Amino acid sequence: EGRISVEIEKDEPLKIELAQFVDAVSNGKKPSPSGEEGEYVLSVAIAAIESYQNGNTVRLNVA
């Protein structure tokens, strides 16, 4: 009594991201995140792994 059940559909996040990318490219829009943003995030992730593995600070060139 007094409760409402709501079913939430769970879509796989990478599937959603890929669909949004395909839609943007197909319709001449800029994908979000952009390629530049993706490259930056990847460089941060690689630097974090490198820092963890060797115990040193890794500096990034941010333009």
Protein backbone atom coordinates (compact mmCIF):
# COMPACT_ATOMS: atom_id res chain seq x y z
CA GLU A 1 0.00 0.00 0.00
CA GLY A 2 1.33 3.43 -0.92
CA ARG A 3 4.11 2.01 -3.10
CA ILE A 4 4.58 2.29 -6.82
CA SER A 5 6.92 0.02 -8.74
CA VAL A 6 8.75 1.56 -11.67
CA GLU A 7 10.66 -0.63 -14.09
CA ILE A 8 13.88 0.97 -15.31
CA GLU A 9 15.34 -0.33 -18.53
CA LYS A 10 19.09 -0.71 -18.43
CA ASP A 11 20.86 -0.22 -21.73
CA GLU A 12 24.53 -1.05 -22.03
CA PRO A 13 26.38 2.32 -21.83
CA LEU A 14 28.86 1.63 -24.65
CA LYS A 15 26.00 0.62 -26.94
CA ILE A 16 24.25 3.93 -26.22
CA GLU A 17 27.47 5.90 -26.78
CA LEU A 18 28.12 4.16 -30.09
CA ALA A 19 24.55 4.80 -31.26
CA GLN A 20 24.92 8.50 -30.40
CA PHE A 21 28.24 8.64 -32.27
CA VAL A 22 26.76 6.99 -35.37
CA ASP A 23 23.77 9.35 -35.23
CA ALA A 24 26.02 12.42 -34.99
CA VAL A 25 28.27 11.34 -37.86
CA SER A 26 25.31 10.29 -40.02
CA ASN A 27 23.63 13.67 -39.52
CA GLY A 28 26.73 15.85 -39.92
CA LYS A 29 26.85 16.85 -36.25
CA LYS A 30 29.89 17.00 -34.01
CA PRO A 31 30.09 13.85 -31.85
CA SER A 32 30.06 14.25 -28.10
CA PRO A 33 32.53 13.73 -26.69
CA SER A 34 34.68 14.99 -29.54
CA GLY A 35 37.72 13.14 -30.81
CA GLU A 36 39.93 15.69 -29.08
CA GLU A 37 38.18 15.10 -25.75
CA GLY A 38 38.51 11.36 -26.20
CA GLU A 39 42.21 11.69 -26.96
CA TYR A 40 42.73 13.80 -23.82
CA VAL A 41 40.88 11.33 -21.59
CA LEU A 42 42.91 8.46 -23.06
CA SER A 43 46.19 10.31 -22.40
CA VAL A 44 45.14 10.90 -18.77
CA ALA A 45 44.28 7.21 -18.34
CA ILE A 46 47.60 6.10 -19.85
CA ALA A 47 49.50 8.56 -17.64
CA ALA A 48 47.66 7.26 -14.56
CA ILE A 49 48.61 3.68 -15.40
CA GLU A 50 52.22 4.68 -16.06
CA SER A 51 52.39 6.61 -12.77
CA TYR A 52 50.94 3.67 -10.86
CA GLN A 53 53.36 1.20 -12.47
CA ASN A 54 56.55 3.21 -11.91
CA GLY A 55 55.57 5.25 -8.84
CA ASN A 56 56.50 8.56 -10.46
CA THR A 57 54.57 11.68 -11.37
CA VAL A 58 53.69 11.80 -15.06
CA ARG A 59 53.30 15.26 -16.54
CA LEU A 60 50.84 15.90 -19.34
CA ASN A 61 51.13 18.58 -22.01
CA VAL A 62 47.78 20.34 -21.94
CA ALA A 63 47.19 22.77 -24.77
